[in-house]
Amino acid sequence: MTEPERSFVQDPGPDGSCALLAWAEDKLGHRFADRTLLEEALTHRSLGSPNYERLEFLGDRLLGAIAALHLFRKFRDDDEGGLTRRYHQLVSGQTCAAIAREIGVHRHLRLNQQARADGAADSDNILGDVLEALIGALWLDGGPDITKAFIHRAFESRLGTAPAAAKHPKSQLQEWALARGLRPPAYELVSRSGPHHSPRFHVRLALDGFEPVVSSGSSKQEAETEAARRALARVWDAA
């Protein structure tokens, strides 16, 4: 079997590896001793293994722990629900992808020609995953202090934003689905019960990857809102 064609999107120069190390030092705040870790974090699965997926697994957990600790210390008046909403907004794939673009990850992403033609270098899902992989690589090569410093610096501008609770549950759920390339949540009125002066509306919510949610309310809008709230609790628990 022939090796997949490699197409490296990175700064040209007499020594591409030196350009990559210089970029990492400038944007990640660390000069990698083990260059292969950095390259692995930037390698898409279209080039086979090793690729960023194992480092993404590590970086996702590290980002979660560091972000949770920071939020716990910073927002001392928030209850568990408030901290949870801030947390999921802060470490969302959409946020990670935005930061990846800001530091130029897309210019250094390693992928084959077909994946590049398919738009992988500009995919929110992939860019977010690669940012997490870079966090994992930073931890392994530079240690906890370097990793925490990068996360605090990169996510700093997002820390003061209003918690996701300020948004309507239906809007939150739709943004969550779209950020992951899923179809928008679908609401269906299943039935109406009760007397005319005090009706109950029963709504079914379908969301890709989860069991349907059925909720009720005194109006169709109220039932849909409650269904979205329950669905959000499920996706947060599954994160």
C-alpha atoms as a PDB file:
ATOM      1  CA  MET A   1       0.000   0.000   0.000  1.00  0.00           C
ATOM      2  CA  THR A   2       1.381   3.382  -0.955  1.00  0.00           C
ATOM      3  CA  GLU A   3       1.753   6.076   1.672  1.00  0.00           C
ATOM      4  CA  PRO A   4      -0.916   8.829   1.464  1.00  0.00           C
ATOM      5  CA  GLU A   5       0.146  11.929  -0.357  1.00  0.00           C
ATOM      6  CA  ARG A   6       1.351  14.532   2.114  1.00  0.00           C
ATOM      7  CA  SER A   7       0.501  18.170   1.605  1.00  0.00           C
ATOM      8  CA  PHE A   8       1.937  20.399   4.312  1.00  0.00           C
ATOM      9  CA  VAL A   9       0.376  23.837   4.718  1.00  0.00           C
ATOM     10  CA  GLN A  10       3.085  25.777   6.520  1.00  0.00           C
ATOM     11  CA  ASP A  11       5.533  28.605   6.091  1.00  0.00           C
ATOM     12  CA  PRO A  12       8.005  27.972   3.276  1.00  0.00           C
ATOM     13  CA  GLY A  13      11.699  28.465   3.837  1.00  0.00           C
ATOM     14  CA  PRO A  14      15.079  26.764   3.700  1.00  0.00           C
ATOM     15  CA  ASP A  15      14.133  24.739   6.792  1.00  0.00           C
ATOM     16  CA  GLY A  16      10.410  24.142   7.226  1.00  0.00           C
ATOM     17  CA  SER A  17      10.899  22.531  10.620  1.00  0.00           C
ATOM     18  CA  CYS A  18      12.672  25.640  11.929  1.00  0.00           C
ATOM     19  CA  ALA A  19       9.790  27.807  10.688  1.00  0.00           C
ATOM     20  CA  LEU A  20       7.337  25.528  12.466  1.00  0.00           C
ATOM     21  CA  LEU A  21       9.305  25.641  15.715  1.00  0.00           C
ATOM     22  CA  ALA A  22       9.517  29.425  15.488  1.00  0.00           C
ATOM     23  CA  TRP A  23       5.746  29.652  14.973  1.00  0.00           C
ATOM     24  CA  ALA A  24       5.121  27.439  18.008  1.00  0.00           C
ATOM     25  CA  GLU A  25       7.474  29.504  20.146  1.00  0.00           C
ATOM     26  CA  ASP A  26       5.733  32.719  19.079  1.00  0.00           C
ATOM     27  CA  LYS A  27       2.098  31.563  19.291  1.00  0.00           C
ATOM     28  CA  LEU A  28       2.212  28.795  21.906  1.00  0.00           C
ATOM     29  CA  GLY A  29       4.939  30.308  24.063  1.00  0.00           C
ATOM     30  CA  HIS A  30       7.212  27.268  23.951  1.00  0.00           C
ATOM     31  CA  ARG A  31      10.208  26.061  21.933  1.00  0.00           C
ATOM     32  CA  PHE A  32       9.626  22.349  21.420  1.00  0.00           C
ATOM     33  CA  ALA A  33      12.492  20.032  22.288  1.00  0.00           C
ATOM     34  CA  ASP A  34      10.653  17.100  20.693  1.00  0.00           C
ATOM     35  CA  ARG A  35       9.609  18.392  17.275  1.00  0.00           C
ATOM     36  CA  THR A  36       7.726  15.180  16.494  1.00  0.00           C
ATOM     37  CA  LEU A  37       5.135  15.996  19.165  1.00  0.00           C
ATOM     38  CA  LEU A  38       4.381  19.313  17.499  1.00  0.00           C
ATOM     39  CA  GLU A  39       4.172  17.709  14.066  1.00  0.00           C
ATOM     40  CA  GLU A  40       1.882  14.952  15.345  1.00  0.00           C
ATOM     41  CA  ALA A  41      -0.477  17.519  16.889  1.00  0.00           C
ATOM     42  CA  LEU A  42      -0.796  19.204  13.483  1.00  0.00           C
ATOM     43  CA  THR A  43      -1.231  16.022  11.411  1.00  0.00           C
ATOM     44  CA  HIS A  44      -4.709  15.123  10.148  1.00  0.00           C
ATOM     45  CA  ARG A  45      -5.947  11.538  10.014  1.00  0.00           C
ATOM     46  CA  SER A  46      -5.944  11.719   6.201  1.00  0.00           C
ATOM     47  CA  LEU A  47      -2.190  11.076   6.457  1.00  0.00           C
ATOM     48  CA  GLY A  48      -2.651   7.958   8.569  1.00  0.00           C
ATOM     49  CA  SER A  49      -0.978   7.443  11.936  1.00  0.00           C
ATOM     50  CA  PRO A  50       0.417   9.018  13.986  1.00  0.00           C
ATOM     51  CA  ASN A  51      -1.995  11.938  13.862  1.00  0.00           C
ATOM     52  CA  TYR A  52      -3.499  14.442  16.286  1.00  0.00           C
ATOM     53  CA  GLU A  53      -6.230  12.212  17.719  1.00  0.00           C
ATOM     54  CA  ARG A  54      -4.349  10.754  20.710  1.00  0.00           C
ATOM     55  CA  LEU A  55      -2.963  14.150  21.676  1.00  0.00           C
ATOM     56  CA  GLU A  56      -6.452  15.621  21.283  1.00  0.00           C
ATOM     57  CA  PHE A  57      -7.740  13.092  23.840  1.00  0.00           C
ATOM     58  CA  LEU A  58      -5.114  14.286  26.314  1.00  0.00           C
ATOM     59  CA  GLY A  59      -5.470  17.984  25.530  1.00  0.00           C
ATOM     60  CA  ASP A  60      -9.248  17.912  25.861  1.00  0.00           C
ATOM     61  CA  ARG A  61      -8.968  16.629  29.448  1.00  0.00           C
ATOM     62  CA  LEU A  62      -6.196  19.046  30.343  1.00  0.00           C
ATOM     63  CA  LEU A  63      -8.082  22.026  28.953  1.00  0.00           C
ATOM     64  CA  GLY A  64     -11.173  20.972  30.883  1.00  0.00           C
ATOM     65  CA  ALA A  65      -9.359  20.642  34.187  1.00  0.00           C
ATOM     66  CA  ILE A  66      -7.401  23.899  33.851  1.00  0.00           C
ATOM     67  CA  ALA A  67     -10.462  25.848  32.695  1.00  0.00           C
ATOM     68  CA  ALA A  68     -12.636  24.438  35.493  1.00  0.00           C
ATOM     69  CA  LEU A  69     -10.078  25.390  38.145  1.00  0.00           C
ATOM     70  CA  HIS A  70      -9.712  28.901  36.739  1.00  0.00           C
ATOM     71  CA  LEU A  71     -13.482  29.464  36.616  1.00  0.00           C
ATOM     72  CA  PHE A  72     -13.887  28.077  40.133  1.00  0.00           C
ATOM     73  CA  ARG A  73     -11.393  30.626  41.442  1.00  0.00           C
ATOM     74  CA  LYS A  74     -12.507  33.586  39.317  1.00  0.00           C
ATOM     75  CA  PHE A  75     -16.305  33.420  39.688  1.00  0.00           C
ATOM     76  CA  ARG A  76     -16.718  32.863  43.409  1.00  0.00           C
ATOM     77  CA  ASP A  77     -20.370  33.910  43.457  1.00  0.00           C
ATOM     78  CA  ASP A  78     -21.479  31.418  40.783  1.00  0.00           C
ATOM     79  CA  ASP A  79     -23.293  28.254  41.826  1.00  0.00           C
ATOM     80  CA  GLU A  80     -22.654  24.897  40.166  1.00  0.00           C
ATOM     81  CA  GLY A  81     -25.076  25.622  37.336  1.00  0.00           C
ATOM     82  CA  GLY A  82     -23.491  28.985  36.562  1.00  0.00           C
ATOM     83  CA  LEU A  83     -19.988  27.541  36.553  1.00  0.00           C
ATOM     84  CA  THR A  84     -21.116  24.677  34.317  1.00  0.00           C
ATOM     85  CA  ARG A  85     -22.617  27.046  31.769  1.00  0.00           C
ATOM     86  CA  ARG A  86     -19.504  29.211  31.746  1.00  0.00           C
ATOM     87  CA  TYR A  87     -17.331  26.124  31.397  1.00  0.00           C
ATOM     88  CA  HIS A  88     -19.150  24.703  28.396  1.00  0.00           C
ATOM     89  CA  GLN A  89     -19.149  28.077  26.672  1.00  0.00           C
ATOM     90  CA  LEU A  90     -15.445  28.546  27.314  1.00  0.00           C
ATOM     91  CA  VAL A  91     -14.176  25.147  26.128  1.00  0.00           C
ATOM     92  CA  SER A  92     -16.651  24.630  23.289  1.00  0.00           C
ATOM     93  CA  GLY A  93     -15.394  23.440  19.931  1.00  0.00           C
ATOM     94  CA  GLN A  94     -16.418  26.760  18.419  1.00  0.00           C
ATOM     95  CA  THR A  95     -14.275  28.682  20.902  1.00  0.00           C
ATOM     96  CA  CYS A  96     -11.299  26.364  20.356  1.00  0.00           C
ATOM     97  CA  ALA A  97     -11.632  26.725  16.584  1.00  0.00           C
ATOM     98  CA  ALA A  98     -11.707  30.526  16.847  1.00  0.00           C
ATOM     99  CA  ILE A  99      -8.518  30.517  18.908  1.00  0.00           C
ATOM    100  CA  ALA A 100      -6.895  28.098  16.451  1.00  0.00           C
ATOM    101  CA  ARG A 101      -7.600  30.549  13.625  1.00  0.00           C
ATOM    102  CA  GLU A 102      -6.261  33.469  15.656  1.00  0.00           C
ATOM    103  CA  ILE A 103      -2.884  31.783  16.130  1.00  0.00           C
ATOM    104  CA  GLY A 104      -2.679  30.517  12.536  1.00  0.00           C
ATOM    105  CA  VAL A 105      -3.126  26.766  13.056  1.00  0.00           C
ATOM    106  CA  HIS A 106      -4.775  26.424   9.630  1.00  0.00           C
ATOM    107  CA  ARG A 107      -1.522  27.502   7.938  1.00  0.00           C
ATOM    108  CA  HIS A 108       0.430  24.682   9.594  1.00  0.00           C
ATOM    109  CA  LEU A 109      -2.119  21.880   9.449  1.00  0.00           C
ATOM    110  CA  ARG A 110      -0.729  18.758   7.736  1.00  0.00           C
ATOM    111  CA  LEU A 111      -3.228  16.930   5.541  1.00  0.00           C
ATOM    112  CA  ASN A 112      -3.487  15.246   2.178  1.00  0.00           C
ATOM    113  CA  GLN A 113      -4.703  16.950  -0.979  1.00  0.00           C
ATOM    114  CA  GLN A 114      -8.207  15.454  -0.856  1.00  0.00           C
ATOM    115  CA  ALA A 115      -8.808  16.553   2.738  1.00  0.00           C
ATOM    116  CA  ARG A 116      -7.594  20.040   1.882  1.00  0.00           C
ATOM    117  CA  ALA A 117      -9.903  20.158  -1.147  1.00  0.00           C
ATOM    118  CA  ASP A 118     -12.783  19.075   1.097  1.00  0.00           C
ATOM    119  CA  GLY A 119     -12.194  22.096   3.333  1.00  0.00           C
ATOM    120  CA  ALA A 120     -10.645  20.293   6.311  1.00  0.00           C
ATOM    121  CA  ALA A 121      -8.188  23.126   6.928  1.00  0.00           C
ATOM    122  CA  ASP A 122     -11.101  25.483   7.634  1.00  0.00           C
ATOM    123  CA  SER A 123     -13.343  23.074   9.559  1.00  0.00           C
ATOM    124  CA  ASP A 124     -14.376  24.212  13.042  1.00  0.00           C
ATOM    125  CA  ASN A 125     -14.396  20.614  14.246  1.00  0.00           C
ATOM    126  CA  ILE A 126     -10.880  19.880  13.007  1.00  0.00           C
ATOM    127  CA  LEU A 127      -9.352  23.184  14.075  1.00  0.00           C
ATOM    128  CA  GLY A 128     -10.862  22.830  17.540  1.00  0.00           C
ATOM    129  CA  ASP A 129      -9.539  19.278  17.839  1.00  0.00           C
ATOM    130  CA  VAL A 130      -6.056  20.342  16.703  1.00  0.00           C
ATOM    131  CA  LEU A 131      -5.950  23.126  19.286  1.00  0.00           C
ATOM    132  CA  GLU A 132      -6.649  20.533  21.973  1.00  0.00           C
ATOM    133  CA  ALA A 133      -3.937  18.315  20.499  1.00  0.00           C
ATOM    134  CA  LEU A 134      -1.471  21.208  20.715  1.00  0.00           C
ATOM    135  CA  ILE A 135      -2.384  21.604  24.386  1.00  0.00           C
ATOM    136  CA  GLY A 136      -1.587  17.933  24.901  1.00  0.00           C
ATOM    137  CA  ALA A 137       1.722  18.312  23.093  1.00  0.00           C
ATOM    138  CA  LEU A 138       2.590  21.387  25.170  1.00  0.00           C
ATOM    139  CA  TRP A 139       1.997  19.457  28.390  1.00  0.00           C
ATOM    140  CA  LEU A 140       4.189  16.537  27.308  1.00  0.00           C
ATOM    141  CA  ASP A 141       7.039  18.686  26.018  1.00  0.00           C
ATOM    142  CA  GLY A 142       6.874  21.772  28.215  1.00  0.00           C
ATOM    143  CA  GLY A 143       5.046  20.691  31.351  1.00  0.00           C
ATOM    144  CA  PRO A 144       2.103  22.081  33.331  1.00  0.00           C
ATOM    145  CA  ASP A 145       3.307  25.660  33.805  1.00  0.00           C
ATOM    146  CA  ILE A 146       3.850  26.234  30.077  1.00  0.00           C
ATOM    147  CA  THR A 147       0.485  24.666  29.281  1.00  0.00           C
ATOM    148  CA  LYS A 148      -1.430  26.694  31.868  1.00  0.00           C
ATOM    149  CA  ALA A 149       0.230  29.910  30.687  1.00  0.00           C
ATOM    150  CA  PHE A 150      -0.846  29.267  27.079  1.00  0.00           C
ATOM    151  CA  ILE A 151      -4.433  28.396  28.046  1.00  0.00           C
ATOM    152  CA  HIS A 152      -4.802  31.461  30.268  1.00  0.00           C
ATOM    153  CA  ARG A 153      -3.349  33.710  27.570  1.00  0.00           C
ATOM    154  CA  ALA A 154      -5.321  32.217  24.661  1.00  0.00           C
ATOM    155  CA  PHE A 155      -8.668  32.055  26.452  1.00  0.00           C
ATOM    156  CA  GLU A 156      -8.300  35.253  28.485  1.00  0.00           C
ATOM    157  CA  SER A 157     -10.520  37.404  26.274  1.00  0.00           C
ATOM    158  CA  ARG A 158     -13.349  34.879  26.623  1.00  0.00           C
ATOM    159  CA  LEU A 159     -13.267  34.678  30.419  1.00  0.00           C
ATOM    160  CA  GLY A 160     -15.235  37.860  30.999  1.00  0.00           C
ATOM    161  CA  THR A 161     -18.086  37.012  28.644  1.00  0.00           C
ATOM    162  CA  ALA A 162     -21.592  36.545  29.965  1.00  0.00           C
ATOM    163  CA  PRO A 163     -22.505  32.967  30.851  1.00  0.00           C
ATOM    164  CA  ALA A 164     -24.479  30.974  28.322  1.00  0.00           C
ATOM    165  CA  ALA A 165     -27.464  31.137  30.678  1.00  0.00           C
ATOM    166  CA  ALA A 166     -28.150  34.618  29.352  1.00  0.00           C
ATOM    167  CA  LYS A 167     -29.274  32.996  26.103  1.00  0.00           C
ATOM    168  CA  HIS A 168     -32.592  31.231  25.608  1.00  0.00           C
ATOM    169  CA  PRO A 169     -32.273  27.427  25.961  1.00  0.00           C
ATOM    170  CA  LYS A 170     -33.482  26.905  22.385  1.00  0.00           C
ATOM    171  CA  SER A 171     -30.801  29.273  21.061  1.00  0.00           C
ATOM    172  CA  GLN A 172     -28.121  27.595  23.177  1.00  0.00           C
ATOM    173  CA  LEU A 173     -29.082  24.146  21.936  1.00  0.00           C
ATOM    174  CA  GLN A 174     -29.158  25.219  18.300  1.00  0.00           C
ATOM    175  CA  GLU A 175     -25.711  26.854  18.582  1.00  0.00           C
ATOM    176  CA  TRP A 176     -24.352  23.720  20.265  1.00  0.00           C
ATOM    177  CA  ALA A 177     -25.625  21.537  17.405  1.00  0.00           C
ATOM    178  CA  LEU A 178     -24.409  23.833  14.619  1.00  0.00           C
ATOM    179  CA  ALA A 179     -20.947  24.126  16.193  1.00  0.00           C
ATOM    180  CA  ARG A 180     -20.625  20.347  15.877  1.00  0.00           C
ATOM    181  CA  GLY A 181     -21.943  20.069  12.331  1.00  0.00           C
ATOM    182  CA  LEU A 182     -25.227  18.498  13.453  1.00  0.00           C
ATOM    183  CA  ARG A 183     -28.707  19.188  12.148  1.00  0.00           C
ATOM    184  CA  PRO A 184     -30.645  21.809  14.117  1.00  0.00           C
ATOM    185  CA  PRO A 185     -32.883  20.435  16.883  1.00  0.00           C
ATOM    186  CA  ALA A 186     -36.333  19.445  15.581  1.00  0.00           C
ATOM    187  CA  TYR A 187     -39.454  20.172  17.657  1.00  0.00           C
ATOM    188  CA  GLU A 188     -42.732  18.342  17.038  1.00  0.00           C
ATOM    189  CA  LEU A 189     -46.063  18.919  18.766  1.00  0.00           C
ATOM    190  CA  VAL A 190     -47.101  15.418  19.830  1.00  0.00           C
ATOM    191  CA  SER A 191     -50.445  16.145  21.479  1.00  0.00           C
ATOM    192  CA  ARG A 192     -52.568  18.597  23.402  1.00  0.00           C
ATOM    193  CA  SER A 193     -54.513  17.667  26.507  1.00  0.00           C
ATOM    194  CA  GLY A 194     -56.565  19.250  29.273  1.00  0.00           C
ATOM    195  CA  PRO A 195     -59.572  21.555  29.170  1.00  0.00           C
ATOM    196  CA  HIS A 196     -59.764  24.546  26.873  1.00  0.00           C
ATOM    197  CA  HIS A 197     -59.087  27.021  29.685  1.00  0.00           C
ATOM    198  CA  SER A 198     -56.032  25.093  30.948  1.00  0.00           C
ATOM    199  CA  PRO A 199     -54.382  23.196  28.072  1.00  0.00           C
ATOM    200  CA  ARG A 200     -51.192  21.148  28.188  1.00  0.00           C
ATOM    201  CA  PHE A 201     -48.965  20.931  25.137  1.00  0.00           C
ATOM    202  CA  HIS A 202     -46.674  17.923  24.691  1.00  0.00           C
ATOM    203  CA  VAL A 203     -43.596  18.401  22.489  1.00  0.00           C
ATOM    204  CA  ARG A 204     -41.014  15.933  21.212  1.00  0.00           C
ATOM    205  CA  LEU A 205     -37.456  17.198  20.547  1.00  0.00           C
ATOM    206  CA  ALA A 206     -35.122  15.229  18.257  1.00  0.00           C
ATOM    207  CA  LEU A 207     -31.357  15.841  18.402  1.00  0.00           C
ATOM    208  CA  ASP A 208     -28.737  13.846  16.502  1.00  0.00           C
ATOM    209  CA  GLY A 209     -26.932  11.347  18.728  1.00  0.00           C
ATOM    210  CA  PHE A 210     -29.384  11.536  21.650  1.00  0.00           C
ATOM    211  CA  GLU A 211     -32.664   9.928  22.626  1.00  0.00           C
ATOM    212  CA  PRO A 212     -35.704  12.137  21.916  1.00  0.00           C
ATOM    213  CA  VAL A 213     -36.882  14.404  24.727  1.00  0.00           C
ATOM    214  CA  VAL A 214     -40.602  14.803  25.466  1.00  0.00           C
ATOM    215  CA  SER A 215     -41.740  17.738  27.592  1.00  0.00           C
ATOM    216  CA  SER A 216     -44.974  19.540  28.310  1.00  0.00           C
ATOM    217  CA  GLY A 217     -46.082  23.056  29.165  1.00  0.00           C
ATOM    218  CA  SER A 218     -49.051  25.392  29.281  1.00  0.00           C
ATOM    219  CA  SER A 219     -48.092  26.621  25.803  1.00  0.00           C
ATOM    220  CA  LYS A 220     -46.249  25.142  22.853  1.00  0.00           C
ATOM    221  CA  GLN A 221     -43.387  27.616  23.391  1.00  0.00           C
ATOM    222  CA  GLU A 222     -43.110  26.690  27.062  1.00  0.00           C
ATOM    223  CA  ALA A 223     -43.002  22.977  26.202  1.00  0.00           C
ATOM    224  CA  GLU A 224     -40.290  23.535  23.571  1.00  0.00           C
ATOM    225  CA  THR A 225     -38.226  25.615  26.011  1.00  0.00           C
ATOM    226  CA  GLU A 226     -38.412  22.914  28.673  1.00  0.00           C
ATOM    227  CA  ALA A 227     -37.457  20.251  26.106  1.00  0.00           C
ATOM    228  CA  ALA A 228     -34.424  22.323  25.058  1.00  0.00           C
ATOM    229  CA  ARG A 229     -33.426  22.805  28.705  1.00  0.00           C
ATOM    230  CA  ARG A 230     -33.554  19.047  29.312  1.00  0.00           C
ATOM    231  CA  ALA A 231     -31.620  18.328  26.117  1.00  0.00           C
ATOM    232  CA  LEU A 232     -28.909  20.802  27.164  1.00  0.00           C
ATOM    233  CA  ALA A 233     -28.554  18.996  30.482  1.00  0.00           C
ATOM    234  CA  ARG A 234     -28.017  15.763  28.567  1.00  0.00           C
ATOM    235  CA  VAL A 235     -25.381  17.123  26.206  1.00  0.00           C
ATOM    236  CA  TRP A 236     -23.496  18.783  29.062  1.00  0.00           C
ATOM    237  CA  ASP A 237     -23.548  15.537  31.052  1.00  0.00           C
ATOM    238  CA  ALA A 238     -22.251  13.661  28.008  1.00  0.00           C
ATOM    239  CA  ALA A 239     -19.417  16.164  27.340  1.00  0.00           C
END
